[in-house]
Amino acid sequence: MRLKDVLAGVPLLSFNGDETEDIQGIAYSSKNAQPGFLFAALKGVKKDGIEYVEEALLNGAVAVFSDQAKPENFPKTWVQVSDPREALALSSANFYSHPSQKMKVIGITGTKGKTTITYILEEILKKSSFTPGVIGTISYRGPGMNVPAALTTPEALDIQRILGEMHAHGVTHCFMEVSSHALDLKRVIGIEFDVVVFVNLSGDHLDYHQTMEKYFEAKKRLFFLNHKKRTAVVNGDDPWGKKLIMQLSKGTKTYGLEPGAMVRGENFVLNEKGIEVTVIYPEGQLSVSSPLLGKPNLYNILASMAVALTLNLPISAIQKGIASLTGVPGRFEKIENSLGLHVFVDYAHTDDALKNLLETVRELNPKRIILVFGAGGDRDKTKRPRMGEAAGTLSDWAIITSDNPRSEDPLAIISDIEKGIKKTGTQNYEIIPDRRAAIEHALSIGEKGDYILVAGKGHEDYQILGDKTIHFDDAEVIREILEARGGI
């Protein structure tokens, strides 16, 4: 593709070189540059792509774009753009021939529930005559593709490549988790969304966004991207959802439990077997059953149904799809055993998510709730004492351990959490910094009828200790320990 066509629609400040240059590919990492490539010099948190232009040229790049003016005596084509991240998103969409225009793309944003909603919608699609693809926290998957996810929402170039591959394999609908980071970093500019979904908002990523208002503003961008007419689906029960609804057009579809929601849950039953709910919607009502547990999943079901109805998917497929999803990796994932223990792994890594998890389990009438949890290093520190407070208030026994300490001292993180747990006045907790030892201890003190919750990492199969990343999978560790005890 000619460079001129790759850059179509990209706001340029200056152009020095050959616009007919034949571009073979785009790279934002100099290591990935090859002969005939366009190199995008992006500013990162720690490094600036401008420092890697020389390496990109050595690897064969024939053109570069940056927000800086052309260096003296630069031997190749130099394009100065106003915003390199926007330029990467738009040029990537051009290079891959706008795959989002050739399928339905549904973007889902919010703090909690995005992953589960993509799984429910994927099941609904499988029960219909359509073919789903998913880009999300756990994996990027579709026909002929199942790649573990490095980021919830990949870089703009990678999203367009994945969408292109999905289209080539016959995907008709792509369900995409859209993170606040991705919106802030303009990764989804150039994607033509058909439906955009707001799930909820609670404290997370405040190390990055600083305030809840800025976090909301980042999420909100999904609803005002590009100019294509799209349908917004919003949780009308969420306070931030209510705020968003006030700013959107009249065509917004709402879901929830409160009166006035267009897709509304009524007469619901939540127990250890799952969820039963009657869903009222403009054209009628539907009785829905799901083996998923707890009120957060009730909201995930309502969100999924609102999207499915917006997409005019068959009612029978909606009902069967919701009923067929037995679980999501690392999302209140049950670890079966023969010891009478109810053991779950969950991704809850914020105070609000931890509170929701514990409240969900409390409604299942447990004998005791034994909680193993920690908090990630180099991330929002303000949530740590609040997580401790939730644990002290809502669990019967809490074990504070390490999560991903990264560059921080694990004991310092644990101390931050302990401040919150002490605030509740409980003595029912202990500190075991080694995560495996903490899990092993929780399983050893568990009795028949107890609920043992291992929270924080969910589907992750690694632990970051300093500058090392080791293999660590909570579910795998639990199964190993239970197997050694003859419990599996």
Protein backbone atom coordinates (compact mmCIF):
# COMPACT_ATOMS: atom_id res chain seq x y z
CA MET A 1 0.00 0.00 0.00
CA ARG A 2 1.30 3.49 -0.87
CA LEU A 3 2.35 5.66 2.06
CA LYS A 4 -0.14 8.29 0.91
CA ASP A 5 -2.99 5.78 1.33
CA VAL A 6 -1.69 4.49 4.68
CA LEU A 7 -1.74 8.07 6.01
CA ALA A 8 -5.19 8.98 4.59
CA GLY A 9 -7.10 10.99 7.20
CA VAL A 10 -4.10 11.36 9.53
CA PRO A 11 -3.60 15.02 10.61
CA LEU A 12 -0.12 15.95 9.29
CA LEU A 13 2.07 18.87 10.35
CA SER A 14 4.72 18.31 7.69
CA PHE A 15 5.77 15.70 5.12
CA ASN A 16 9.32 15.19 3.87
CA GLY A 17 9.86 12.35 1.44
CA ASP A 18 8.12 10.10 -1.05
CA GLU A 19 4.36 9.68 -0.60
CA THR A 20 4.32 6.88 -3.20
CA GLU A 21 6.64 4.74 -1.06
CA ASP A 22 5.33 1.15 -0.98
CA ILE A 23 4.63 0.29 2.67
CA GLN A 24 4.90 -3.40 3.57
CA GLY A 25 3.87 -3.06 7.20
CA ILE A 26 3.76 -0.83 10.28
CA ALA A 27 5.74 -1.21 13.52
CA TYR A 28 5.67 0.71 16.81
CA SER A 29 8.58 -1.33 18.19
CA SER A 30 11.87 -0.87 16.34
CA LYS A 31 12.59 -4.58 16.89
CA ASN A 32 9.56 -5.45 14.74
CA ALA A 33 10.50 -3.14 11.87
CA GLN A 34 11.28 -4.91 8.59
CA PRO A 35 12.21 -3.83 5.06
CA GLY A 36 9.56 -1.50 3.66
CA PHE A 37 7.96 -0.73 7.04
CA LEU A 38 6.57 2.52 8.44
CA PHE A 39 7.87 3.11 11.99
CA ALA A 40 5.61 4.85 14.52
CA ALA A 41 7.73 6.69 17.09
CA LEU A 42 5.44 6.71 20.12
CA LYS A 43 6.13 8.21 23.51
CA GLY A 44 5.94 5.56 26.24
CA VAL A 45 5.88 5.85 30.02
CA LYS A 46 9.63 5.33 30.31
CA LYS A 47 10.98 5.54 26.76
CA ASP A 48 10.40 7.65 23.67
CA GLY A 49 10.18 5.96 20.28
CA ILE A 50 12.30 8.73 18.81
CA GLU A 51 15.29 7.08 20.53
CA TYR A 52 14.75 3.94 18.43
CA VAL A 53 14.44 5.45 14.96
CA GLU A 54 18.00 4.47 14.05
CA GLU A 55 17.37 0.83 15.00
CA ALA A 56 14.13 0.84 12.97
CA LEU A 57 16.05 2.10 9.92
CA LEU A 58 18.73 -0.55 10.38
CA ASN A 59 15.93 -3.14 10.35
CA GLY A 60 14.62 -1.78 7.05
CA ALA A 61 12.06 0.93 7.88
CA VAL A 62 11.60 3.33 4.95
CA ALA A 63 9.47 5.96 6.68
CA VAL A 64 8.92 7.32 10.19
CA PHE A 65 6.19 9.37 11.80
CA SER A 66 6.66 11.38 14.98
CA ASP A 67 5.39 14.55 16.62
CA GLN A 68 8.89 16.00 16.24
CA ALA A 69 10.27 17.86 13.24
CA LYS A 70 12.50 16.05 10.76
CA PRO A 71 16.09 15.71 12.01
CA GLU A 72 18.83 17.22 9.85
CA ASN A 73 20.12 14.99 7.05
CA PHE A 74 17.50 12.31 7.77
CA PRO A 75 17.90 9.80 4.89
CA LYS A 76 14.33 8.46 4.67
CA THR A 77 10.77 9.78 4.58
CA TRP A 78 9.83 11.72 7.73
CA VAL A 79 6.24 12.55 8.59
CA GLN A 80 5.49 14.97 11.42
CA VAL A 81 2.05 14.38 12.94
CA SER A 82 0.17 16.21 15.66
CA ASP A 83 -0.54 13.04 17.65
CA PRO A 84 1.48 9.85 16.99
CA ARG A 85 -0.98 7.59 18.83
CA GLU A 86 -3.92 8.86 16.82
CA ALA A 87 -1.79 8.54 13.69
CA LEU A 88 -0.98 4.91 14.55
CA ALA A 89 -4.66 4.09 15.08
CA LEU A 90 -5.81 5.70 11.83
CA SER A 91 -2.93 4.43 9.67
CA SER A 92 -3.36 0.89 11.05
CA ALA A 93 -7.07 0.93 10.15
CA ASN A 94 -6.11 2.09 6.64
CA PHE A 95 -3.37 -0.52 6.25
CA TYR A 96 -5.69 -3.40 7.22
CA SER A 97 -8.54 -2.01 5.06
CA HIS A 98 -10.87 -1.12 7.93
CA PRO A 99 -11.91 -4.61 9.08
CA SER A 100 -14.29 -3.20 11.71
CA GLN A 101 -16.52 -1.98 8.88
CA LYS A 102 -16.95 -5.57 7.67
CA MET A 103 -18.39 -7.00 10.91
CA LYS A 104 -20.38 -5.95 13.95
CA VAL A 105 -18.08 -4.64 16.69
CA ILE A 106 -19.34 -4.33 20.25
CA GLY A 107 -17.17 -2.37 22.71
CA ILE A 108 -17.62 -3.00 26.43
CA THR A 109 -16.15 -0.71 29.08
CA GLY A 110 -16.42 -0.49 32.87
CA THR A 111 -14.53 -1.57 35.96
CA LYS A 112 -16.08 -4.98 36.64
CA GLY A 113 -17.88 -7.52 34.46
CA LYS A 114 -16.44 -6.85 30.99
CA THR A 115 -14.82 -10.27 30.67
CA THR A 116 -17.87 -12.23 31.82
CA ILE A 117 -20.13 -10.27 29.47
CA THR A 118 -17.92 -11.15 26.48
CA TYR A 119 -18.12 -14.83 27.47
CA ILE A 120 -21.92 -14.75 27.78
CA LEU A 121 -22.30 -12.98 24.43
CA GLU A 122 -19.89 -15.43 22.83
CA GLU A 123 -22.13 -18.31 23.99
CA ILE A 124 -25.26 -16.55 22.69
CA LEU A 125 -23.60 -16.09 19.27
CA LYS A 126 -22.60 -19.77 19.21
CA LYS A 127 -26.27 -20.71 19.69
CA SER A 128 -27.23 -18.56 16.70
CA SER A 129 -26.14 -18.62 13.06
CA PHE A 130 -23.33 -16.10 13.60
CA THR A 131 -19.61 -16.44 14.37
CA PRO A 132 -18.12 -14.64 17.40
CA GLY A 133 -14.66 -13.24 18.03
CA VAL A 134 -13.43 -11.85 21.35
CA ILE A 135 -10.69 -9.37 22.24
CA GLY A 136 -10.35 -9.23 26.01
CA THR A 137 -8.45 -9.64 29.24
CA ILE A 138 -8.05 -13.42 29.04
CA SER A 139 -7.49 -14.01 25.33
CA TYR A 140 -7.98 -12.86 21.76
CA ARG A 141 -10.00 -15.64 20.18
CA GLY A 142 -12.14 -16.70 17.27
CA PRO A 143 -12.08 -19.34 14.52
CA GLY A 144 -8.47 -20.50 14.11
CA MET A 145 -7.24 -18.11 16.82
CA ASN A 146 -6.77 -18.35 20.59
CA VAL A 147 -3.93 -16.16 21.86
CA PRO A 148 -3.39 -15.39 25.58
CA ALA A 149 -3.90 -11.67 26.10
CA ALA A 150 -0.96 -9.43 26.95
CA LEU A 151 -3.24 -6.41 27.38
CA THR A 152 -7.01 -6.13 27.92
CA THR A 153 -7.14 -3.94 24.82
CA PRO A 154 -4.10 -4.37 22.53
CA GLU A 155 -2.19 -1.54 20.84
CA ALA A 156 -4.03 0.02 17.88
CA LEU A 157 -1.91 -1.76 15.25
CA ASP A 158 -2.50 -5.14 16.89
CA ILE A 159 -6.25 -4.59 17.21
CA GLN A 160 -6.57 -3.87 13.49
CA ARG A 161 -4.44 -6.91 12.61
CA ILE A 162 -6.54 -9.15 14.89
CA LEU A 163 -9.79 -7.76 13.45
CA GLY A 164 -8.42 -8.40 9.96
CA GLU A 165 -7.61 -12.01 10.84
CA MET A 166 -11.04 -12.45 12.42
CA HIS A 167 -12.75 -11.15 9.29
CA ALA A 168 -10.67 -13.50 7.12
CA HIS A 169 -11.86 -16.42 9.29
CA GLY A 170 -15.53 -15.49 8.99
CA VAL A 171 -16.16 -13.67 12.27
CA THR A 172 -19.44 -11.76 12.08
CA HIS A 173 -19.42 -10.14 15.55
CA CYS A 174 -16.41 -9.09 17.64
CA PHE A 175 -16.92 -8.46 21.36
CA MET A 176 -14.15 -6.21 22.63
CA GLU A 177 -13.24 -5.24 26.18
CA VAL A 178 -12.18 -1.60 26.03
CA SER A 179 -9.99 -0.47 28.92
CA SER A 180 -9.68 3.09 30.18
CA HIS A 181 -5.97 2.99 29.32
CA ALA A 182 -6.81 2.05 25.73
CA LEU A 183 -9.26 4.93 25.45
CA ASP A 184 -6.80 7.38 26.98
CA LEU A 185 -4.04 6.15 24.65
CA LYS A 186 -6.35 6.33 21.59
CA ARG A 187 -5.97 2.65 20.68
CA VAL A 188 -9.57 2.28 19.47
CA ILE A 189 -9.74 5.35 17.25
CA GLY A 190 -10.49 4.07 13.76
CA ILE A 191 -12.72 1.23 14.98
CA GLU A 192 -16.33 1.47 13.85
CA PHE A 193 -18.31 0.28 16.88
CA ASP A 194 -21.92 -0.77 16.34
CA VAL A 195 -22.80 -1.10 20.03
CA VAL A 196 -20.97 0.41 23.01
CA VAL A 197 -21.65 -0.75 26.56
CA PHE A 198 -21.06 0.93 29.94
CA VAL A 199 -21.09 -1.63 32.74
CA ASN A 200 -20.16 0.28 35.92
CA LEU A 201 -17.42 2.38 37.47
CA SER A 202 -15.61 1.97 40.79
CA GLY A 203 -12.14 2.76 42.13
CA ASP A 204 -9.36 1.22 40.00
CA HIS A 205 -6.37 2.48 38.01
CA LEU A 206 -6.29 5.68 40.06
CA ASP A 207 -2.50 5.45 39.98
CA TYR A 208 -2.96 6.29 36.28
CA HIS A 209 -6.12 8.43 36.15
CA GLN A 210 -5.66 10.14 39.58
CA THR A 211 -9.36 10.87 40.19
CA MET A 212 -12.67 9.10 39.59
CA GLU A 213 -13.80 12.01 37.42
CA LYS A 214 -10.80 11.59 35.11
CA TYR A 215 -11.37 7.81 35.11
CA PHE A 216 -14.99 8.42 34.06
CA GLU A 217 -13.92 10.89 31.35
CA ALA A 218 -11.58 8.23 29.91
CA LYS A 219 -14.34 5.59 29.86
CA LYS A 220 -16.83 8.06 28.39
CA ARG A 221 -14.71 8.56 25.26
CA LEU A 222 -15.92 5.22 23.90
CA PHE A 223 -19.38 6.72 23.45
CA PHE A 224 -18.21 9.71 21.42
CA LEU A 225 -15.62 8.12 19.09
CA ASN A 226 -15.80 8.61 15.33
CA HIS A 227 -19.05 9.58 13.67
CA LYS A 228 -20.75 6.26 12.93
CA LYS A 229 -24.22 5.92 14.37
CA ARG A 230 -24.02 3.42 17.19
CA THR A 231 -26.26 2.22 19.99
CA ALA A 232 -25.26 2.84 23.60
CA VAL A 233 -26.20 0.26 26.25
CA VAL A 234 -25.79 1.55 29.81
CA ASN A 235 -26.25 0.16 33.33
CA GLY A 236 -28.98 2.50 34.58
CA ASP A 237 -28.52 1.44 38.20
CA ASP A 238 -24.88 2.55 38.38
CA PRO A 239 -24.35 6.16 39.60
CA TRP A 240 -21.77 6.83 36.87
CA GLY A 241 -24.07 5.12 34.37
CA LYS A 242 -26.85 7.55 35.31
CA LYS A 243 -24.43 10.43 34.73
CA LEU A 244 -23.47 9.06 31.31
CA ILE A 245 -27.12 8.58 30.29
CA MET A 246 -27.72 12.30 30.88
CA GLN A 247 -24.98 13.09 28.34
CA LEU A 248 -26.08 10.64 25.63
CA SER A 249 -28.77 10.81 22.96
CA LYS A 250 -32.31 9.54 23.46
CA GLY A 251 -31.58 6.25 21.68
CA THR A 252 -29.64 4.90 24.68
CA LYS A 253 -30.74 1.46 25.91
CA THR A 254 -30.64 0.90 29.67
CA TYR A 255 -30.56 -2.24 31.79
CA GLY A 256 -30.79 -2.92 35.51
CA LEU A 257 -33.09 -3.87 38.36
CA GLU A 258 -34.53 -0.43 39.07
CA PRO A 259 -37.89 0.68 37.58
CA GLY A 260 -37.49 2.37 34.22
CA ALA A 261 -34.72 0.15 32.85
CA MET A 262 -35.54 -0.93 29.30
CA VAL A 263 -34.13 -4.41 29.99
CA ARG A 264 -35.11 -5.10 33.59
CA GLY A 265 -34.63 -8.07 35.90
CA GLU A 266 -37.55 -9.07 38.13
CA ASN A 267 -38.36 -11.89 40.58
CA PHE A 268 -34.76 -13.07 40.64
CA VAL A 269 -33.45 -15.92 42.77
CA LEU A 270 -29.76 -16.17 43.68
CA ASN A 271 -28.50 -19.35 45.32
CA GLU A 272 -25.67 -21.90 45.23
CA LYS A 273 -27.16 -23.43 42.06
CA GLY A 274 -27.07 -20.19 40.08
CA ILE A 275 -29.43 -17.46 38.95
CA GLU A 276 -33.11 -17.50 37.96
CA VAL A 277 -34.59 -14.24 36.67
CA THR A 278 -37.48 -12.94 34.62
CA VAL A 279 -36.23 -10.31 32.19
CA ILE A 280 -38.73 -7.68 31.05
CA TYR A 281 -37.89 -5.95 27.76
CA PRO A 282 -39.89 -3.73 25.36
CA GLU A 283 -41.14 -6.62 23.21
CA GLY A 284 -42.00 -9.02 26.04
CA GLN A 285 -40.41 -11.03 28.82
CA LEU A 286 -38.13 -14.04 29.13
CA SER A 287 -37.37 -16.48 31.95
CA VAL A 288 -33.62 -16.99 32.14
CA SER A 289 -31.54 -19.52 34.10
CA SER A 290 -27.77 -19.44 34.56
CA PRO A 291 -25.32 -21.57 36.56
CA LEU A 292 -23.28 -18.41 37.26
CA LEU A 293 -23.43 -17.20 40.86
CA GLY A 294 -24.25 -13.92 42.55
CA LYS A 295 -25.74 -10.50 41.94
CA PRO A 296 -22.80 -9.13 39.89
CA ASN A 297 -23.44 -11.93 37.38
CA LEU A 298 -27.14 -11.05 37.34
CA TYR A 299 -26.11 -7.62 36.07
CA ASN A 300 -23.73 -9.24 33.57
CA ILE A 301 -26.62 -11.34 32.25
CA LEU A 302 -28.86 -8.27 31.92
CA ALA A 303 -26.10 -6.37 30.07
CA SER A 304 -25.57 -9.30 27.71
CA MET A 305 -29.27 -9.62 27.04
CA ALA A 306 -29.56 -5.87 26.33
CA VAL A 307 -26.73 -6.15 23.78
CA ALA A 308 -28.17 -9.32 22.23
CA LEU A 309 -31.59 -7.69 21.83
CA THR A 310 -29.95 -4.60 20.30
CA LEU A 311 -28.26 -6.91 17.77
CA ASN A 312 -31.62 -8.60 17.04
CA LEU A 313 -30.29 -12.03 18.01
CA PRO A 314 -32.87 -14.83 18.33
CA ILE A 315 -34.58 -15.09 21.73
CA SER A 316 -33.97 -18.85 21.77
CA ALA A 317 -30.21 -18.27 21.28
CA ILE A 318 -30.19 -15.70 24.10
CA GLN A 319 -31.90 -18.11 26.49
CA LYS A 320 -29.72 -21.09 25.54
CA GLY A 321 -26.49 -19.08 25.50
CA ILE A 322 -27.03 -17.68 29.00
CA ALA A 323 -27.91 -21.14 30.32
CA SER A 324 -24.87 -22.84 28.76
CA LEU A 325 -22.04 -20.74 30.24
CA THR A 326 -20.92 -22.62 33.34
CA GLY A 327 -18.04 -20.34 34.26
CA VAL A 328 -15.30 -17.93 33.22
CA PRO A 329 -11.60 -18.54 33.97
CA GLY A 330 -10.62 -16.71 37.14
CA ARG A 331 -14.03 -15.11 37.59
CA PHE A 332 -15.58 -16.73 40.68
CA GLU A 333 -14.15 -19.94 39.23
CA LYS A 334 -15.04 -23.01 41.29
CA ILE A 335 -12.34 -25.60 41.97
CA GLU A 336 -14.13 -28.92 42.33
CA ASN A 337 -13.01 -31.24 45.14
CA SER A 338 -14.23 -34.17 47.24
CA LEU A 339 -13.51 -32.59 50.64
CA GLY A 340 -16.77 -30.65 50.93
CA LEU A 341 -14.94 -27.34 50.53
CA HIS A 342 -16.30 -24.58 48.31
CA VAL A 343 -13.08 -23.25 46.77
CA PHE A 344 -13.10 -20.32 44.34
CA VAL A 345 -10.53 -18.28 42.44
CA ASP A 346 -11.51 -14.71 41.59
CA TYR A 347 -9.93 -11.70 39.89
CA ALA A 348 -11.21 -9.25 42.56
CA HIS A 349 -8.28 -6.84 42.94
CA THR A 350 -10.03 -3.65 44.05
CA ASP A 351 -11.88 -2.87 47.27
CA ASP A 352 -15.22 -2.66 45.48
CA ALA A 353 -14.70 -5.97 43.64
CA LEU A 354 -13.58 -7.65 46.87
CA LYS A 355 -16.63 -6.30 48.70
CA ASN A 356 -18.93 -7.58 45.93
CA LEU A 357 -17.26 -11.00 45.99
CA LEU A 358 -17.62 -11.35 49.76
CA GLU A 359 -21.23 -10.11 49.75
CA THR A 360 -22.06 -12.56 46.96
CA VAL A 361 -20.65 -15.47 48.96
CA ARG A 362 -22.36 -14.32 52.18
CA GLU A 363 -25.71 -14.63 50.39
CA LEU A 364 -24.92 -18.32 49.75
CA ASN A 365 -25.05 -19.04 53.52
CA PRO A 366 -21.48 -20.28 54.00
CA LYS A 367 -20.34 -21.93 57.21
CA ARG A 368 -17.31 -19.60 57.14
CA ILE A 369 -15.62 -17.41 54.55
CA ILE A 370 -11.83 -17.83 54.47
CA LEU A 371 -10.20 -15.21 52.26
CA VAL A 372 -6.70 -15.19 50.78
CA PHE A 373 -5.79 -11.87 49.14
CA GLY A 374 -3.15 -9.20 48.57
CA ALA A 375 -2.66 -6.11 46.41
CA GLY A 376 -0.46 -5.38 43.41
CA GLY A 377 2.69 -3.29 43.72
CA ASP A 378 3.34 -0.13 41.68
CA ARG A 379 -0.40 0.39 41.39
CA ASP A 380 -3.05 2.49 43.16
CA LYS A 381 -2.02 2.49 46.84
CA THR A 382 -5.19 4.14 48.10
CA LYS A 383 -7.26 0.98 47.59
CA ARG A 384 -5.09 -1.18 49.87
CA PRO A 385 -6.52 -0.15 53.27
CA ARG A 386 -10.02 -0.22 51.79
CA MET A 387 -9.42 -3.80 50.64
CA GLY A 388 -8.30 -4.63 54.18
CA GLU A 389 -11.44 -3.03 55.58
CA ALA A 390 -13.67 -5.05 53.24
CA ALA A 391 -11.86 -8.25 54.26
CA GLY A 392 -12.10 -7.46 57.97
CA THR A 393 -15.79 -6.64 57.75
CA LEU A 394 -17.05 -9.37 55.44
CA SER A 395 -14.82 -12.46 55.84
CA ASP A 396 -14.60 -14.78 58.85
CA TRP A 397 -10.86 -15.34 58.48
CA ALA A 398 -8.52 -13.35 56.25
CA ILE A 399 -5.01 -14.28 55.15
CA ILE A 400 -3.07 -11.33 53.75
CA THR A 401 -0.43 -12.41 51.25
CA SER A 402 1.49 -11.19 48.19
CA ASP A 403 -0.14 -10.55 44.82
CA ASN A 404 2.22 -9.07 42.20
CA PRO A 405 4.53 -6.94 44.37
CA ARG A 406 6.54 -5.79 41.34
CA SER A 407 9.23 -3.34 42.52
CA GLU A 408 7.68 -2.73 45.95
CA ASP A 409 8.52 -4.48 49.21
CA PRO A 410 5.79 -7.15 49.69
CA LEU A 411 5.71 -6.49 53.44
CA ALA A 412 5.12 -2.77 52.86
CA ILE A 413 2.11 -3.59 50.67
CA ILE A 414 0.80 -6.01 53.30
CA SER A 415 1.26 -3.30 55.96
CA ASP A 416 -0.90 -0.90 53.90
CA ILE A 417 -3.64 -3.55 53.71
CA GLU A 418 -3.33 -4.34 57.42
CA LYS A 419 -4.10 -0.72 58.35
CA GLY A 420 -7.57 -1.18 56.89
CA ILE A 421 -8.21 -4.56 58.48
CA LYS A 422 -7.15 -3.22 61.91
CA LYS A 423 -9.65 -0.40 61.50
CA THR A 424 -12.48 -2.97 61.67
CA GLY A 425 -11.30 -4.20 65.08
CA THR A 426 -11.16 -7.83 64.00
CA GLN A 427 -8.44 -10.19 65.22
CA ASN A 428 -9.44 -12.84 62.68
CA TYR A 429 -6.58 -12.47 60.25
CA GLU A 430 -2.99 -13.48 59.72
CA ILE A 431 -0.13 -12.57 57.44
CA ILE A 432 1.58 -15.16 55.22
CA PRO A 433 3.64 -13.30 52.56
CA ASP A 434 4.34 -16.41 50.43
CA ARG A 435 1.24 -16.85 48.25
CA ARG A 436 1.51 -20.62 47.86
CA ALA A 437 1.97 -21.05 51.62
CA ALA A 438 -1.03 -18.78 52.24
CA ILE A 439 -3.23 -20.85 49.92
CA GLU A 440 -1.99 -24.09 51.46
CA HIS A 441 -2.78 -22.79 54.95
CA ALA A 442 -6.29 -21.68 53.93
CA LEU A 443 -7.03 -25.14 52.54
CA SER A 444 -5.61 -26.80 55.66
CA ILE A 445 -7.89 -24.88 58.05
CA GLY A 446 -10.95 -25.19 55.80
CA GLU A 447 -13.78 -27.42 56.98
CA LYS A 448 -16.73 -28.94 55.17
CA GLY A 449 -19.17 -26.15 54.26
CA ASP A 450 -16.54 -23.39 54.31
CA TYR A 451 -16.04 -21.09 51.33
CA ILE A 452 -12.36 -20.51 50.59
CA LEU A 453 -11.76 -17.55 48.29
CA VAL A 454 -8.40 -16.90 46.66
CA ALA A 455 -8.69 -13.38 45.25
CA GLY A 456 -6.68 -10.93 43.20
CA LYS A 457 -5.08 -12.79 40.30
CA GLY A 458 -7.93 -14.74 38.74
CA HIS A 459 -6.89 -16.16 35.37
CA GLU A 460 -3.29 -14.88 35.59
CA ASP A 461 -0.63 -17.59 35.41
CA TYR A 462 2.30 -15.52 36.61
CA GLN A 463 3.57 -13.55 39.59
CA ILE A 464 5.81 -10.48 39.27
CA LEU A 465 8.47 -10.31 41.98
CA GLY A 466 10.87 -7.41 41.51
CA ASP A 467 12.16 -7.64 37.95
CA LYS A 468 11.36 -11.36 37.69
CA THR A 469 8.18 -12.97 36.41
CA ILE A 470 7.57 -16.51 37.66
CA HIS A 471 4.89 -19.03 36.74
CA PHE A 472 2.08 -18.93 39.30
CA ASP A 473 -1.52 -19.95 38.69
CA ASP A 474 -3.86 -19.84 41.70
CA ALA A 475 -6.22 -22.51 40.33
CA GLU A 476 -3.30 -24.78 39.43
CA VAL A 477 -1.73 -24.37 42.90
CA ILE A 478 -5.04 -25.14 44.60
CA ARG A 479 -5.53 -28.30 42.53
CA GLU A 480 -1.97 -29.47 43.30
CA ILE A 481 -2.52 -29.01 47.05
CA LEU A 482 -5.95 -30.67 47.00
CA GLU A 483 -4.62 -33.56 44.92
CA ALA A 484 -1.82 -34.15 47.44
CA ARG A 485 -4.50 -34.37 50.13
CA GLY A 486 -6.56 -36.82 48.04
CA GLY A 487 -9.25 -34.21 47.52
CA ILE A 488 -9.37 -34.37 43.72
